[in-house]
């Protein structure tokens, strides 16, 4: 997949609204906050509930089969390898895996961006406060963080850049390939937080240059709350420091009838990222619907999501009432993720607009003094027009 998009002619667009449950009279423009699951995923969730009502119907093979199918789907989605993926409960699991896995020296520097998502600070600041490493916070030269800002901030002391592919607060997007090239040149690593891009921005992990990738699963992957992904480049999996791991990552754990055999090594399977799986990995209530959501995403195509959102966001930007609202995201599509933010002329007025939108049944997020508008395949220009009408009065 490329980082650019090609517009789809109107006659070739697919109407995906039938794949989701009706929102009735609500214009739901908050995919970046919480995604609805497709109808097929909801049916899978019902099946998972049936398994708990009648455990005799739960195939024992699903304890490994279901997580492994998720890994295969993630590999197809990203261009990575299935055994490079760990299944987590959110992005924080992967951040912690890297923090605990790399060997740190007190002068090692972790580079964060000002205003980055709090999970990065809650991961790295405690290590800095204990003297294990240093954290340096870069500030953008302009209004929004750019790739140039990140590359310019990298120094010979930079051991790791921990950064979002797409910012949660304003949608600004960096080019991971350029960041990776710069940090690799000084012997460091790139940890890419793709929570607001994986499934919505066309890119592949091999071409991104990232060494590690984390993502929550309940946004653009259309999974349930409590799902997430951690990916580590294959040549780094066995180099990260050993730590306690979930027992089902043991080599040979699939054989439930012989878990305590005398020849057991009690070590994780080599080269397998599942050593970082969240405990009770095969959480059927989460993974059964996630499997169907990923299948839907692959059938629709990330490029289709990107093109659809780009069209709706452009429709919104060109109709913003300039006397009352300002764009709070980069104007250039190449510098922006799959959504955009807007704000009123003051924080108080922005808060008032947010409340008015809720009253008008137009659902967006209020983040860092701006309204984050994140549509999806089930949205149409009519939903954007409702938003514009509400903020124009």
Protein backbone atom coordinates (compact mmCIF):
# COMPACT_ATOMS: atom_id res chain seq x y z
CA UNK A 1 0.00 0.00 0.00
CA UNK A 2 1.19 3.51 -0.69
CA UNK A 3 0.93 6.57 1.50
CA UNK A 4 -1.04 8.43 -1.19
CA UNK A 5 -4.57 7.84 -2.36
CA UNK A 6 -6.38 7.75 -5.66
CA UNK A 7 -9.91 9.12 -5.75
CA UNK A 8 -12.60 6.56 -6.53
CA UNK A 9 -15.15 7.67 -9.14
CA UNK A 10 -18.57 8.25 -7.58
CA UNK A 11 -20.12 5.49 -9.67
CA UNK A 12 -17.65 2.95 -8.31
CA UNK A 13 -18.28 3.65 -4.63
CA UNK A 14 -19.68 0.84 -2.54
CA UNK A 15 -22.44 1.56 -0.02
CA UNK A 16 -21.13 -0.06 3.15
CA UNK A 17 -23.88 1.22 5.44
CA UNK A 18 -25.69 -2.12 5.39
CA UNK A 19 -22.65 -3.79 6.97
CA UNK A 20 -23.29 -1.84 10.20
CA UNK A 21 -26.27 -1.45 12.48
CA UNK A 22 -28.44 1.59 11.87
CA UNK A 23 -27.71 4.71 13.90
CA UNK A 24 -31.32 5.83 13.47
CA UNK A 25 -31.26 9.63 13.56
CA UNK A 26 -27.72 9.92 14.97
CA UNK A 27 -24.82 11.16 12.83
CA UNK A 28 -21.97 9.18 14.40
CA UNK A 29 -18.67 10.88 13.51
CA UNK A 30 -16.54 9.47 16.32
CA UNK A 31 -14.74 6.45 14.89
CA UNK A 32 -11.45 7.71 16.35
CA UNK A 33 -13.04 7.53 19.79
CA UNK A 34 -14.96 4.24 19.68
CA UNK A 35 -15.76 2.21 16.60
CA UNK A 36 -19.02 0.34 16.17
CA UNK A 37 -18.53 -3.27 15.26
CA UNK A 38 -19.95 -4.55 11.95
CA UNK A 39 -23.05 -6.73 11.92
CA UNK A 40 -20.93 -9.82 11.20
CA UNK A 41 -18.81 -9.09 14.28
CA UNK A 42 -21.92 -8.71 16.44
CA UNK A 43 -23.07 -12.16 15.31
CA UNK A 44 -19.69 -13.58 16.25
CA UNK A 45 -20.04 -11.98 19.69
CA UNK A 46 -23.38 -13.72 20.08
CA UNK A 47 -21.74 -17.01 19.16
CA UNK A 48 -19.04 -16.40 21.79
CA UNK A 49 -21.78 -15.85 24.37
CA UNK A 50 -23.34 -19.15 23.33
CA UNK A 51 -20.02 -20.84 23.97
CA UNK A 52 -20.14 -19.64 27.55
CA UNK A 53 -23.76 -20.68 27.93
CA UNK A 54 -22.87 -24.10 26.52
CA UNK A 55 -19.14 -24.71 26.99
CA UNK A 56 -19.56 -28.19 25.56
CA UNK A 57 -19.92 -26.46 22.18
CA UNK A 58 -16.64 -24.55 22.49
CA UNK A 59 -14.03 -26.21 20.24
CA UNK A 60 -10.83 -26.74 22.20
CA UNK A 61 -8.87 -25.85 19.08
CA UNK A 62 -10.15 -22.25 19.35
CA UNK A 63 -7.84 -21.53 22.29
CA UNK A 64 -5.01 -21.30 19.76
CA UNK A 65 -6.90 -21.32 16.47
CA UNK A 66 -8.74 -18.06 17.06
CA UNK A 67 -5.69 -15.99 18.15
CA UNK A 68 -3.64 -17.44 15.31
CA UNK A 69 -6.29 -16.53 12.74
CA UNK A 70 -6.23 -12.97 14.10
CA UNK A 71 -2.46 -12.89 13.60
CA UNK A 72 -2.86 -14.08 10.02
CA UNK A 73 -5.44 -11.37 9.33
CA UNK A 74 -3.16 -8.72 10.83
CA UNK A 75 -0.33 -9.99 8.66
CA UNK A 76 -2.51 -9.61 5.56
CA UNK A 77 -3.55 -6.13 6.65
CA UNK A 78 -0.06 -4.82 7.38
CA UNK A 79 2.43 -6.84 5.35
CA UNK A 80 4.05 -8.11 8.54
CA UNK A 81 4.47 -11.77 9.47
CA UNK A 82 1.86 -13.50 11.62
CA UNK A 83 4.38 -14.61 14.26
CA UNK A 84 5.55 -11.00 14.72
CA UNK A 85 2.21 -10.04 16.32
CA UNK A 86 1.19 -10.19 19.96
CA UNK A 87 -2.44 -9.74 20.92
CA UNK A 88 -2.92 -7.18 23.65
CA UNK A 89 -5.63 -5.30 25.49
CA UNK A 90 -4.55 -1.96 24.03
CA UNK A 91 -1.53 -0.01 22.88
CA UNK A 92 -0.05 0.23 26.39
CA UNK A 93 0.89 -3.46 26.48
CA UNK A 94 3.28 -3.02 23.59
CA UNK A 95 4.75 0.17 25.00
CA UNK A 96 5.48 -1.68 28.24
CA UNK A 97 6.99 -4.62 26.35
CA UNK A 98 9.52 -2.33 24.68
CA UNK A 99 10.22 -0.39 27.88
CA UNK A 100 10.88 -3.63 29.77
CA UNK A 101 12.62 -5.40 26.92
CA UNK A 102 15.37 -3.04 25.87
CA UNK A 103 18.55 -2.73 27.94
CA UNK A 104 18.82 0.91 29.03
CA UNK A 105 21.70 3.13 30.03
CA UNK A 106 21.16 6.32 32.05
CA UNK A 107 22.22 8.50 29.10
CA UNK A 108 19.92 6.77 26.62
CA UNK A 109 17.34 9.22 25.32
CA UNK A 110 13.71 8.50 24.51
CA UNK A 111 12.26 11.20 22.27
CA UNK A 112 8.61 12.17 22.78
CA UNK A 113 6.54 14.91 21.21
CA UNK A 114 4.86 17.65 23.18
CA UNK A 115 1.18 16.79 23.59
CA UNK A 116 1.69 13.14 22.67
CA UNK A 117 -0.95 10.66 23.81
CA UNK A 118 -0.61 10.13 27.61
CA UNK A 119 0.24 6.41 27.30
CA UNK A 120 3.69 7.38 26.03
CA UNK A 121 4.35 9.60 29.03
CA UNK A 122 3.01 7.04 31.52
CA UNK A 123 5.37 4.48 30.00
CA UNK A 124 8.60 6.47 29.76
CA UNK A 125 8.49 9.10 32.48
CA UNK A 126 8.67 6.61 35.40
CA UNK A 127 11.86 5.15 33.88
CA UNK A 128 13.30 8.62 33.51
CA UNK A 129 12.37 9.52 37.08
CA UNK A 130 14.14 6.39 38.33
CA UNK A 131 17.31 7.30 36.44
CA UNK A 132 17.21 4.42 33.94
CA UNK A 133 17.04 6.69 30.89
CA UNK A 134 16.31 10.24 29.81
CA UNK A 135 13.18 11.60 28.18
CA UNK A 136 13.38 14.59 25.87
CA UNK A 137 10.21 16.31 24.71
CA UNK A 138 10.33 17.94 21.29
CA UNK A 139 8.21 20.94 20.38
CA UNK A 140 6.88 21.63 16.89
CA UNK A 141 8.33 24.57 15.03
CA UNK A 142 4.85 25.55 13.87
CA UNK A 143 1.29 24.89 14.92
CA UNK A 144 1.40 21.13 14.20
CA UNK A 145 4.11 18.52 14.63
CA UNK A 146 5.75 17.58 11.32
CA UNK A 147 8.13 14.90 10.14
CA UNK A 148 10.79 17.59 9.84
CA UNK A 149 10.35 18.46 13.53
CA UNK A 150 10.96 14.86 14.55
CA UNK A 151 13.93 14.28 12.27
CA UNK A 152 15.57 17.53 13.42
CA UNK A 153 15.18 16.53 17.08
CA UNK A 154 17.04 13.23 16.71
CA UNK A 155 20.60 13.29 18.05
CA UNK A 156 23.40 10.80 18.63
CA UNK A 157 21.93 10.12 22.08
CA UNK A 158 18.48 9.17 20.77
CA UNK A 159 17.91 5.49 21.56
CA UNK A 160 14.20 5.43 20.78
CA UNK A 161 11.58 7.63 19.14
CA UNK A 162 8.16 6.85 20.63
CA UNK A 163 5.58 8.61 18.51
CA UNK A 164 2.08 8.45 17.07
CA UNK A 165 1.71 7.96 13.34
CA UNK A 166 -1.38 10.19 13.52
CA UNK A 167 -1.90 12.57 16.43
CA UNK A 168 -4.98 11.95 18.56
CA UNK A 169 -5.50 15.65 19.28
CA UNK A 170 -5.26 17.24 15.85
CA UNK A 171 -4.81 14.52 13.23
CA UNK A 172 -1.29 15.60 12.21
CA UNK A 173 0.54 12.74 10.48
CA UNK A 174 4.27 12.01 10.28
CA UNK A 175 6.12 9.93 7.71
CA UNK A 176 7.45 6.91 9.62
CA UNK A 177 9.88 6.00 6.85
CA UNK A 178 11.77 9.26 7.21
CA UNK A 179 11.73 9.12 11.01
CA UNK A 180 12.95 5.52 10.94
CA UNK A 181 15.76 6.38 8.56
CA UNK A 182 16.93 9.21 10.80
CA UNK A 183 16.83 7.28 14.07
CA UNK A 184 18.39 4.15 12.53
CA UNK A 185 21.27 6.31 11.33
CA UNK A 186 22.22 6.97 14.96
CA UNK A 187 21.61 3.36 16.05
CA UNK A 188 18.20 3.92 17.60
CA UNK A 189 14.73 2.45 17.19
CA UNK A 190 11.31 3.66 16.12
CA UNK A 191 8.24 2.71 18.15
CA UNK A 192 5.22 3.69 16.08
CA UNK A 193 1.84 4.15 17.75
CA UNK A 194 -0.63 3.36 14.95
CA UNK A 195 -3.78 3.56 17.08
CA UNK A 196 -5.17 6.32 14.85
CA UNK A 197 -3.90 4.98 11.54
CA UNK A 198 -3.87 1.17 11.43
CA UNK A 199 -6.88 0.22 9.32
CA UNK A 200 -7.45 3.75 8.01
CA UNK A 201 -4.16 4.99 6.53
CA UNK A 202 -2.64 2.92 3.72
CA UNK A 203 0.81 1.76 4.78
CA UNK A 204 2.66 -1.46 5.42
CA UNK A 205 4.92 -2.29 8.33
CA UNK A 206 7.93 -3.31 6.19
CA UNK A 207 7.86 -0.03 4.25
CA UNK A 208 7.25 2.04 7.39
CA UNK A 209 10.71 1.25 8.75
CA UNK A 210 9.30 0.89 12.27
CA UNK A 211 10.97 -1.50 14.69
CA UNK A 212 7.92 -1.79 16.94
CA UNK A 213 4.28 -0.93 16.40
CA UNK A 214 1.44 -0.66 18.88
CA UNK A 215 -2.25 0.01 18.28
CA UNK A 216 -5.50 -0.11 20.15
CA UNK A 217 -8.07 -2.34 18.49
CA UNK A 218 -11.31 -0.54 19.24
CA UNK A 219 -10.83 2.31 16.78
CA UNK A 220 -9.93 1.77 13.12
CA UNK A 221 -9.62 -2.02 13.51
CA UNK A 222 -13.31 -2.08 14.50
CA UNK A 223 -12.68 -4.30 17.53
CA UNK A 224 -14.06 -4.27 21.03
CA UNK A 225 -12.76 -2.16 23.90
CA UNK A 226 -9.91 -4.11 25.45
CA UNK A 227 -8.29 -5.23 22.18
CA UNK A 228 -4.92 -4.18 20.87
CA UNK A 229 -1.87 -5.13 18.85
CA UNK A 230 1.87 -5.22 19.45
CA UNK A 231 4.23 -5.90 16.58
CA UNK A 232 7.98 -6.37 16.78
CA UNK A 233 10.32 -6.76 13.84
CA UNK A 234 11.39 -10.40 13.66
CA UNK A 235 15.09 -9.83 14.23
CA UNK A 236 14.31 -8.01 17.49
CA UNK A 237 11.95 -10.51 19.13
CA UNK A 238 14.61 -12.72 20.71
CA UNK A 239 16.89 -9.76 21.48
CA UNK A 240 14.50 -8.10 23.90
CA UNK A 241 15.11 -8.89 27.55
CA UNK A 242 13.25 -11.90 28.92
CA UNK A 243 10.39 -11.19 31.28
CA UNK A 244 7.48 -13.16 32.77
CA UNK A 245 5.04 -14.18 30.05
CA UNK A 246 1.65 -15.80 29.67
CA UNK A 247 2.01 -19.58 29.95
CA UNK A 248 0.19 -20.28 26.68
CA UNK A 249 3.19 -18.79 24.86
CA UNK A 250 5.29 -21.72 26.07
CA UNK A 251 6.69 -23.93 23.37
CA UNK A 252 4.35 -26.91 23.11
CA UNK A 253 1.54 -25.32 25.15
CA UNK A 254 -0.98 -26.35 22.48
CA UNK A 255 -0.88 -29.87 23.89
CA UNK A 256 -3.29 -29.42 26.81
CA UNK A 257 -3.04 -33.09 27.73
CA UNK A 258 0.69 -32.94 28.41
CA UNK A 259 1.61 -29.54 29.82
CA UNK A 260 4.03 -30.78 32.50
CA UNK A 261 6.01 -33.23 30.40
CA UNK A 262 9.59 -33.91 31.64
CA UNK A 263 11.23 -32.47 28.53
CA UNK A 264 9.44 -29.09 28.79
CA UNK A 265 11.80 -26.13 28.36
CA UNK A 266 9.56 -23.62 30.14
CA UNK A 267 10.67 -20.99 27.63
CA UNK A 268 8.62 -19.11 25.06
CA UNK A 269 8.59 -20.39 21.51
CA UNK A 270 11.63 -18.80 19.79
CA UNK A 271 10.98 -16.00 17.33
CA UNK A 272 7.34 -15.72 18.35
CA UNK A 273 5.89 -12.39 19.46
CA UNK A 274 3.07 -14.18 21.27
CA UNK A 275 5.30 -14.18 24.35
CA UNK A 276 3.82 -10.69 24.84
CA UNK A 277 0.21 -11.81 24.45
CA UNK A 278 -2.17 -10.56 27.09
CA UNK A 279 -3.16 -13.34 29.51
CA UNK A 280 -6.23 -15.32 28.54
CA UNK A 281 -5.35 -14.47 24.97
CA UNK A 282 -8.26 -16.30 23.39
CA UNK A 283 -10.78 -13.96 24.99
CA UNK A 284 -13.70 -15.12 22.87
CA UNK A 285 -15.85 -12.09 23.66
CA UNK A 286 -13.13 -9.87 22.16
CA UNK A 287 -11.41 -11.98 19.54
CA UNK A 288 -14.41 -13.67 17.94
CA UNK A 289 -15.87 -10.31 16.83
CA UNK A 290 -12.42 -8.88 16.07
CA UNK A 291 -11.82 -11.69 13.58
CA UNK A 292 -14.96 -10.74 11.66
CA UNK A 293 -14.13 -7.03 11.88
CA UNK A 294 -10.71 -7.63 10.37
CA UNK A 295 -12.26 -9.75 7.63
CA UNK A 296 -14.64 -6.89 6.88
CA UNK A 297 -11.78 -4.39 6.83
CA UNK A 298 -9.81 -6.54 4.42
CA UNK A 299 -12.83 -6.95 2.16
CA UNK A 300 -13.50 -3.20 2.11
CA UNK A 301 -9.84 -2.27 1.87
CA UNK A 302 -7.87 0.33 3.81
CA UNK A 303 -7.56 2.39 0.65
CA UNK A 304 -11.37 2.58 0.45
CA UNK A 305 -11.52 3.84 4.05
CA UNK A 306 -8.85 6.42 3.33
CA UNK A 307 -10.48 7.67 0.11
CA UNK A 308 -13.95 7.79 1.66
CA UNK A 309 -12.79 9.77 4.69
CA UNK A 310 -10.65 12.11 2.61
CA UNK A 311 -13.69 13.00 0.53
CA UNK A 312 -15.92 13.62 3.57
CA UNK A 313 -13.29 15.63 5.43
CA UNK A 314 -12.67 17.81 2.38
CA UNK A 315 -16.43 18.29 2.13
CA UNK A 316 -16.41 19.48 5.75
CA UNK A 317 -13.40 21.79 5.44
CA UNK A 318 -14.71 23.60 2.39
CA UNK A 319 -18.01 24.31 4.16
CA UNK A 320 -16.72 25.43 7.56
CA UNK A 321 -18.27 28.75 8.60
CA UNK A 322 -15.13 30.87 8.72
CA UNK A 323 -16.74 33.53 10.88
CA UNK A 324 -17.28 31.06 13.74
CA UNK A 325 -14.94 28.09 13.23
CA UNK A 326 -11.33 27.39 12.38
CA UNK A 327 -9.66 24.23 11.17
CA UNK A 328 -7.63 22.70 14.01
CA UNK A 329 -5.78 20.18 11.83
CA UNK A 330 -3.28 20.53 8.99
CA UNK A 331 -4.98 21.74 5.83
CA UNK A 332 -2.82 19.65 3.49
CA UNK A 333 -4.18 16.06 3.19
CA UNK A 334 -0.61 14.70 3.00
CA UNK A 335 0.03 15.99 6.54
CA UNK A 336 -3.22 14.71 8.02
CA UNK A 337 -4.65 11.38 9.12
CA UNK A 338 -8.14 9.96 8.45
CA UNK A 339 -9.96 12.73 10.31
CA UNK A 340 -9.80 16.44 11.04
CA UNK A 341 -10.53 18.76 13.95
CA UNK A 342 -12.28 22.09 14.16
CA UNK A 343 -12.64 24.69 16.89
CA UNK A 344 -14.65 27.79 17.65
CA UNK A 345 -13.02 31.16 18.34
CA UNK A 346 -12.58 30.39 22.05
CA UNK A 347 -12.42 27.28 24.28
CA UNK A 348 -15.74 28.22 25.86
CA UNK A 349 -17.42 28.49 22.47
CA UNK A 350 -15.89 25.18 21.39
CA UNK A 351 -17.33 23.51 24.49
CA UNK A 352 -20.71 25.09 23.69
CA UNK A 353 -20.54 23.77 20.12
CA UNK A 354 -19.76 20.29 21.46
CA UNK A 355 -22.83 20.37 23.68
CA UNK A 356 -24.96 21.67 20.84
CA UNK A 357 -23.81 18.86 18.57
CA UNK A 358 -24.73 16.32 21.22
CA UNK A 359 -28.18 17.88 21.44
CA UNK A 360 -28.47 17.71 17.66
CA UNK A 361 -27.43 14.03 17.80
CA UNK A 362 -24.18 14.65 15.97
CA UNK A 363 -21.51 12.70 17.86
CA UNK A 364 -17.87 13.84 17.74
CA UNK A 365 -15.05 13.92 20.30
CA UNK A 366 -13.92 16.92 22.33
CA UNK A 367 -10.13 16.66 22.52
CA UNK A 368 -7.66 19.32 23.68
CA UNK A 369 -10.00 22.22 22.98
CA UNK A 370 -11.09 21.02 19.54
CA UNK A 371 -13.85 18.94 18.02
CA UNK A 372 -12.46 15.80 16.42
CA UNK A 373 -14.57 14.68 13.47
CA UNK A 374 -13.81 11.12 12.42
CA UNK A 375 -16.20 9.60 9.87
CA UNK A 376 -16.21 6.08 8.47
CA UNK A 377 -17.61 4.06 5.60
CA UNK A 378 -21.15 4.22 7.00
CA UNK A 379 -21.16 8.04 6.94
CA UNK A 380 -22.31 10.16 4.02
CA UNK A 381 -22.11 13.81 3.02
CA UNK A 382 -25.48 14.22 4.66
CA UNK A 383 -23.88 13.53 8.06
CA UNK A 384 -21.27 16.20 7.38
CA UNK A 385 -23.97 18.62 6.31
CA UNK A 386 -25.75 18.05 9.64
CA UNK A 387 -22.56 18.91 11.47
CA UNK A 388 -22.00 22.05 9.41
CA UNK A 389 -25.58 23.17 9.92
CA UNK A 390 -25.23 22.76 13.70
CA UNK A 391 -21.98 24.72 13.99
CA UNK A 392 -23.15 27.45 11.63
CA UNK A 393 -25.96 28.82 13.81
